[in-house]
């Protein structure tokens, strides 16, 4: 497939900028948490979750004989496996003619779009792990008037319910956030309740994807999510691990490049049979939700560090959420 570049003499030097989504979600979760994958069995590392136990009591001056006065408990640590199981890449050929006559800046016109594509795919990988996790609590947001379609007040009530679920699971207060789709964001911003909170100073200034702070959560919007879903979570509820592959000794040119906080590999060589350069940007990646909650009816562990919030109407219809 041929590339399409505008001739340099035909365009102004000031670009308009691409219409592209903000890459947000990876900055809100656990990144590269827990070690080196080199030499790990099945390319998997295990993140240790500390053991939990409870204290007991005994009667003061207990003089019973024939039975132990102390009951022994055991400690059992659990782990969350994170596996590098996906190679995300973007490869682009550049002909001699394009390189000589069409491209004025290889970095801006070729490499930057490639890095952006890989960064977006990394966010999609993380969001897919969020959407397919097994949650202990799924909240169906609805209108305060009883309609299925959630309104601003219904969303606020859902956020409060999510806060309670995290509190009951002893999830730390610091580091909590809610990320939502654009439909939920619009309903929330239209509500008088949210505007009153904003005017009272209980939320921060709304800049970029940050909407403010409500019910103990920092609120964000992301177009990587479905429009009618949201997730209330602590940053340790999900983990995203990435590794830039090593530059092979036989590569004509290779380097480590960075995009949106990710370290990526860039390889460039020349294919003389096709008379073209080849530019490859890639990264190894893996994403997982932290399932350290009680088992569900099927015996599978659940996520308690996060709560999924969906529209009651969407959930009833059985649509994607």
Protein backbone atom coordinates (compact mmCIF):
# COMPACT_ATOMS: atom_id res chain seq x y z
CA UNK A 1 0.00 0.00 0.00
CA UNK A 2 1.44 3.35 -1.03
CA UNK A 3 1.77 6.23 1.42
CA UNK A 4 0.16 9.61 0.76
CA UNK A 5 2.20 12.69 1.60
CA UNK A 6 1.34 16.29 0.78
CA UNK A 7 4.00 18.06 -1.24
CA UNK A 8 6.02 20.42 0.94
CA UNK A 9 5.49 23.38 -1.39
CA UNK A 10 1.71 22.93 -1.20
CA UNK A 11 1.20 23.17 2.57
CA UNK A 12 1.74 25.78 5.23
CA UNK A 13 4.44 25.14 7.81
CA UNK A 14 1.93 25.50 10.65
CA UNK A 15 0.02 22.23 11.00
CA UNK A 16 -3.52 21.95 12.35
CA UNK A 17 -2.83 18.91 14.49
CA UNK A 18 -4.47 15.53 14.27
CA UNK A 19 -7.93 14.75 15.60
CA UNK A 20 -6.83 12.02 17.96
CA UNK A 21 -7.99 10.82 21.35
CA UNK A 22 -6.15 11.61 24.55
CA UNK A 23 -4.21 8.62 25.86
CA UNK A 24 -5.21 8.64 29.51
CA UNK A 25 -6.01 5.29 31.12
CA UNK A 26 -2.43 3.90 31.38
CA UNK A 27 -1.41 6.88 33.52
CA UNK A 28 -4.05 5.95 36.12
CA UNK A 29 -2.99 2.34 36.79
CA UNK A 30 -0.08 0.26 38.02
CA UNK A 31 2.64 0.36 35.35
CA UNK A 32 5.49 -2.15 35.02
CA UNK A 33 4.76 -3.24 38.58
CA UNK A 34 7.01 -5.93 39.89
CA UNK A 35 10.14 -6.92 38.12
CA UNK A 36 12.01 -8.28 35.18
CA UNK A 37 10.49 -10.76 32.72
CA UNK A 38 13.90 -11.99 31.57
CA UNK A 39 14.14 -15.70 32.33
CA UNK A 40 10.61 -15.87 33.74
CA UNK A 41 8.73 -19.10 33.00
CA UNK A 42 6.15 -18.63 30.23
CA UNK A 43 7.15 -14.93 30.08
CA UNK A 44 5.07 -14.43 33.25
CA UNK A 45 5.84 -12.70 36.53
CA UNK A 46 3.72 -12.89 39.66
CA UNK A 47 2.88 -9.80 41.66
CA UNK A 48 2.75 -10.69 45.36
CA UNK A 49 -0.38 -9.76 47.30
CA UNK A 50 0.31 -9.83 51.06
CA UNK A 51 -1.48 -12.38 53.24
CA UNK A 52 -4.43 -11.37 55.40
CA UNK A 53 -5.26 -12.72 58.82
CA UNK A 54 -7.44 -11.79 61.80
CA UNK A 55 -6.62 -11.46 65.48
CA UNK A 56 -8.30 -13.63 68.11
CA UNK A 57 -9.06 -13.14 71.79
CA UNK A 58 -8.72 -15.37 74.83
CA UNK A 59 -10.06 -15.10 78.35
CA UNK A 60 -7.87 -13.25 80.80
CA UNK A 61 -6.41 -15.53 83.53
CA UNK A 62 -7.77 -18.59 81.73
CA UNK A 63 -6.82 -21.65 83.82
CA UNK A 64 -8.33 -24.36 81.65
CA UNK A 65 -6.30 -27.52 81.28
CA UNK A 66 -6.34 -30.20 78.67
CA UNK A 67 -6.92 -27.87 75.69
CA UNK A 68 -4.70 -25.28 74.00
CA UNK A 69 -5.18 -21.70 75.14
CA UNK A 70 -4.00 -20.37 71.78
CA UNK A 71 -5.44 -21.09 68.32
CA UNK A 72 -2.85 -20.95 65.55
CA UNK A 73 -3.63 -19.31 62.20
CA UNK A 74 -1.85 -19.62 58.88
CA UNK A 75 -0.73 -16.99 56.42
CA UNK A 76 -1.41 -17.49 52.74
CA UNK A 77 -0.08 -15.06 50.20
CA UNK A 78 -1.75 -14.79 46.81
CA UNK A 79 -0.39 -13.59 43.50
CA UNK A 80 -1.51 -11.96 40.30
CA UNK A 81 0.10 -13.20 37.11
CA UNK A 82 1.10 -10.69 34.48
CA UNK A 83 2.20 -12.16 31.18
CA UNK A 84 3.89 -10.50 28.24
CA UNK A 85 1.71 -12.13 25.60
CA UNK A 86 1.17 -9.44 22.98
CA UNK A 87 3.51 -7.79 20.47
CA UNK A 88 2.13 -4.43 19.38
CA UNK A 89 3.76 -2.97 16.30
CA UNK A 90 3.43 -0.66 13.34
CA UNK A 91 5.46 -1.08 10.16
CA UNK A 92 5.61 1.39 7.29
CA UNK A 93 7.50 1.22 3.96
CA UNK A 94 8.93 4.44 2.52
CA UNK A 95 9.99 4.46 -1.13
CA UNK A 96 13.00 6.30 -2.50
CA UNK A 97 10.68 8.72 -4.28
CA UNK A 98 8.75 9.51 -1.09
CA UNK A 99 11.92 9.94 0.93
CA UNK A 100 13.52 12.19 -1.69
CA UNK A 101 10.60 14.28 -2.93
CA UNK A 102 7.72 14.10 -0.43
CA UNK A 103 9.04 13.82 3.12
CA UNK A 104 10.54 16.89 4.75
CA UNK A 105 10.72 15.47 8.28
CA UNK A 106 10.93 11.68 8.71
CA UNK A 107 10.40 12.01 12.47
CA UNK A 108 7.26 14.11 12.22
CA UNK A 109 5.67 12.52 9.16
CA UNK A 110 6.56 8.85 9.61
CA UNK A 111 7.93 7.99 13.06
CA UNK A 112 5.55 10.12 15.15
CA UNK A 113 2.35 8.60 13.65
CA UNK A 114 3.82 5.12 14.14
CA UNK A 115 4.59 5.72 17.81
CA UNK A 116 1.14 7.22 18.34
CA UNK A 117 -0.52 4.14 16.82
CA UNK A 118 1.40 1.79 19.13
CA UNK A 119 0.61 3.92 22.21
CA UNK A 120 -3.12 3.87 21.39
CA UNK A 121 -3.01 0.09 20.96
CA UNK A 122 -1.37 -0.24 24.39
CA UNK A 123 -4.24 1.71 25.94
CA UNK A 124 -6.75 -0.49 24.08
CA UNK A 125 -5.04 -3.59 25.53
CA UNK A 126 -5.43 -2.22 29.05
CA UNK A 127 -9.05 -1.20 28.53
CA UNK A 128 -9.82 -4.67 27.17
CA UNK A 129 -8.48 -6.15 30.43
CA UNK A 130 -10.69 -3.75 32.39
CA UNK A 131 -13.81 -4.60 30.40
CA UNK A 132 -13.34 -8.36 30.65
CA UNK A 133 -12.43 -8.56 34.34
CA UNK A 134 -14.59 -10.46 36.82
CA UNK A 135 -15.91 -7.80 39.22
CA UNK A 136 -17.27 -8.45 42.68
CA UNK A 137 -19.49 -5.37 42.28
CA UNK A 138 -21.22 -4.15 39.11
CA UNK A 139 -23.45 -1.10 39.62
CA UNK A 140 -26.30 -0.33 37.24
CA UNK A 141 -26.67 3.44 37.11
CA UNK A 142 -30.20 4.72 36.60
CA UNK A 143 -32.17 7.95 36.64
CA UNK A 144 -33.24 9.31 40.03
CA UNK A 145 -36.74 9.47 38.50
CA UNK A 146 -36.74 5.72 38.03
CA UNK A 147 -35.97 5.61 34.30
CA UNK A 148 -33.47 3.10 33.04
CA UNK A 149 -31.27 5.67 31.32
CA UNK A 150 -28.94 7.17 33.91
CA UNK A 151 -28.92 10.92 34.45
CA UNK A 152 -26.43 13.12 36.28
CA UNK A 153 -27.88 12.48 39.72
CA UNK A 154 -28.18 8.78 39.00
CA UNK A 155 -24.50 8.70 38.06
CA UNK A 156 -23.57 10.58 41.21
CA UNK A 157 -25.50 8.04 43.28
CA UNK A 158 -23.68 5.24 41.44
CA UNK A 159 -20.35 6.89 42.29
CA UNK A 160 -21.33 7.01 45.96
CA UNK A 161 -22.32 3.33 45.83
CA UNK A 162 -18.96 2.54 44.22
CA UNK A 163 -17.21 4.44 47.00
CA UNK A 164 -19.05 2.35 49.59
CA UNK A 165 -18.07 -0.89 47.81
CA UNK A 166 -14.40 0.10 47.82
CA UNK A 167 -14.61 1.23 51.44
CA UNK A 168 -16.18 -2.08 52.47
CA UNK A 169 -13.32 -3.91 50.71
CA UNK A 170 -10.75 -1.82 52.66
CA UNK A 171 -9.38 -0.29 49.46
CA UNK A 172 -7.13 2.71 50.27
CA UNK A 173 -8.70 6.15 49.85
CA UNK A 174 -5.68 7.71 48.16
CA UNK A 175 -5.17 6.83 44.50
CA UNK A 176 -8.84 6.34 43.57
CA UNK A 177 -10.23 7.49 40.24
CA UNK A 178 -13.24 7.10 37.99
CA UNK A 179 -12.80 6.96 34.23
CA UNK A 180 -15.95 7.14 32.13
CA UNK A 181 -17.16 7.21 28.54
CA UNK A 182 -18.31 10.36 26.77
CA UNK A 183 -22.04 9.65 27.21
CA UNK A 184 -21.71 9.35 30.98
CA UNK A 185 -19.56 12.49 31.03
CA UNK A 186 -22.17 14.53 29.14
CA UNK A 187 -24.99 13.47 31.47
CA UNK A 188 -22.91 14.27 34.53
CA UNK A 189 -21.84 17.71 33.32
CA UNK A 190 -25.44 18.66 32.50
CA UNK A 191 -26.65 17.92 36.00
CA UNK A 192 -27.33 20.73 38.47
CA UNK A 193 -25.81 18.58 41.19
CA UNK A 194 -22.42 18.49 39.46
CA UNK A 195 -22.51 22.21 38.65
CA UNK A 196 -23.25 23.05 42.29
CA UNK A 197 -20.34 20.90 43.40
CA UNK A 198 -18.08 22.62 40.88
CA UNK A 199 -19.13 26.10 42.01
CA UNK A 200 -18.68 25.22 45.66
CA UNK A 201 -15.01 24.49 45.09
CA UNK A 202 -15.26 20.77 45.89
CA UNK A 203 -13.95 19.89 42.43
CA UNK A 204 -10.81 21.07 40.70
CA UNK A 205 -10.66 23.00 37.45
CA UNK A 206 -11.76 20.91 34.48
CA UNK A 207 -8.81 20.73 32.11
CA UNK A 208 -8.11 18.20 29.39
CA UNK A 209 -9.58 14.84 30.44
CA UNK A 210 -9.83 15.76 34.16
CA UNK A 211 -13.36 16.69 35.18
CA UNK A 212 -12.97 17.31 38.88
CA UNK A 213 -13.32 15.41 42.12
CA UNK A 214 -16.59 13.93 43.32
CA UNK A 215 -17.36 11.45 46.12
CA UNK A 216 -13.66 10.95 46.80
CA UNK A 217 -12.77 10.12 43.17
CA UNK A 218 -10.80 12.03 40.57
CA UNK A 219 -13.06 12.01 37.50
CA UNK A 220 -11.76 11.49 33.96
CA UNK A 221 -13.26 10.89 30.53
CA UNK A 222 -11.70 8.61 27.92
CA UNK A 223 -12.78 7.77 24.40
CA UNK A 224 -11.02 4.42 24.75
CA UNK A 225 -14.06 3.29 26.78
CA UNK A 226 -17.57 2.63 25.56
CA UNK A 227 -19.71 5.73 25.87
CA UNK A 228 -22.01 4.30 28.54
CA UNK A 229 -19.58 2.66 30.96
CA UNK A 230 -17.35 3.77 33.81
CA UNK A 231 -14.87 2.22 36.22
CA UNK A 232 -14.26 3.34 39.79
CA UNK A 233 -10.92 1.94 40.90
CA UNK A 234 -7.76 2.18 42.90
CA UNK A 235 -4.63 2.39 40.78
CA UNK A 236 -3.57 -1.09 41.92
CA UNK A 237 -6.73 -2.66 40.45
CA UNK A 238 -5.06 -3.06 37.06
CA UNK A 239 -1.52 -3.49 35.85
CA UNK A 240 0.05 -2.80 32.47
CA UNK A 241 3.50 -4.20 31.78
CA UNK A 242 5.55 -3.20 28.75
CA UNK A 243 9.05 -3.99 27.56
CA UNK A 244 10.85 -2.52 24.56
CA UNK A 245 12.51 -5.39 22.64
CA UNK A 246 16.28 -5.25 22.37
CA UNK A 247 17.75 -3.82 19.18
CA UNK A 248 19.24 -6.80 17.29
CA UNK A 249 22.91 -6.71 16.42
CA UNK A 250 22.13 -7.19 12.73
CA UNK A 251 19.79 -4.19 12.43
CA UNK A 252 20.94 -1.40 10.14
CA UNK A 253 19.60 1.13 12.63
CA UNK A 254 17.77 0.76 15.90
CA UNK A 255 16.95 2.89 18.90
CA UNK A 256 14.68 3.20 21.91
CA UNK A 257 12.02 5.87 21.47
CA UNK A 258 9.39 7.18 23.86
CA UNK A 259 5.73 8.03 23.28
CA UNK A 260 3.07 8.85 25.89
CA UNK A 261 5.37 7.56 28.62
CA UNK A 262 6.01 4.23 26.89
CA UNK A 263 9.45 2.99 25.89
CA UNK A 264 9.30 1.52 22.37
CA UNK A 265 11.78 0.03 19.92
CA UNK A 266 12.38 1.62 16.51
CA UNK A 267 14.11 -0.29 13.70
CA UNK A 268 14.91 1.14 10.28
CA UNK A 269 16.55 -0.64 7.38
CA UNK A 270 16.61 -0.70 3.59
CA UNK A 271 15.01 -3.30 1.34
CA UNK A 272 16.87 -3.01 -1.94
CA UNK A 273 14.65 -5.59 -3.65
CA UNK A 274 11.66 -3.27 -3.19
CA UNK A 275 13.78 -0.10 -3.30
CA UNK A 276 12.34 1.24 -0.05
CA UNK A 277 13.09 1.98 3.56
CA UNK A 278 11.25 0.02 6.26
CA UNK A 279 10.35 1.58 9.58
CA UNK A 280 9.16 -0.63 12.45
CA UNK A 281 8.00 0.47 15.92
CA UNK A 282 7.11 -2.27 18.40
CA UNK A 283 6.77 -3.24 22.06
CA UNK A 284 6.03 -6.33 24.18
CA UNK A 285 2.99 -5.87 26.41
CA UNK A 286 0.64 -7.52 28.87
CA UNK A 287 -2.31 -6.23 30.89
CA UNK A 288 -4.27 -7.76 33.74
CA UNK A 289 -6.86 -6.95 36.37
CA UNK A 290 -6.00 -7.81 39.97
CA UNK A 291 -8.39 -10.60 41.02
CA UNK A 292 -7.79 -10.84 44.77
CA UNK A 293 -11.38 -10.74 46.01
CA UNK A 294 -13.74 -13.50 47.15
CA UNK A 295 -14.73 -16.20 44.69
CA UNK A 296 -17.95 -15.92 42.71
CA UNK A 297 -20.54 -18.66 42.28
CA UNK A 298 -18.37 -20.37 39.68
CA UNK A 299 -15.41 -20.41 42.05
CA UNK A 300 -13.43 -17.73 40.23
CA UNK A 301 -11.72 -14.89 42.16
CA UNK A 302 -13.11 -11.40 41.69
CA UNK A 303 -11.83 -7.84 41.44
CA UNK A 304 -12.61 -5.81 44.57
CA UNK A 305 -10.18 -2.94 43.98
CA UNK A 306 -12.47 -1.69 41.21
CA UNK A 307 -16.19 -1.36 40.51
CA UNK A 308 -17.76 -1.46 37.06
CA UNK A 309 -20.58 1.01 36.42
CA UNK A 310 -22.92 0.48 33.47
CA UNK A 311 -26.13 2.02 32.20
CA UNK A 312 -29.13 0.08 33.45
CA UNK A 313 -30.77 0.27 30.01
CA UNK A 314 -27.67 -1.08 28.28
CA UNK A 315 -27.33 -3.87 30.84
CA UNK A 316 -31.00 -4.84 30.48
CA UNK A 317 -30.70 -4.96 26.69
CA UNK A 318 -27.63 -7.19 26.95
CA UNK A 319 -25.56 -4.79 24.87
CA UNK A 320 -21.86 -4.14 25.14
CA UNK A 321 -20.82 -2.38 28.30
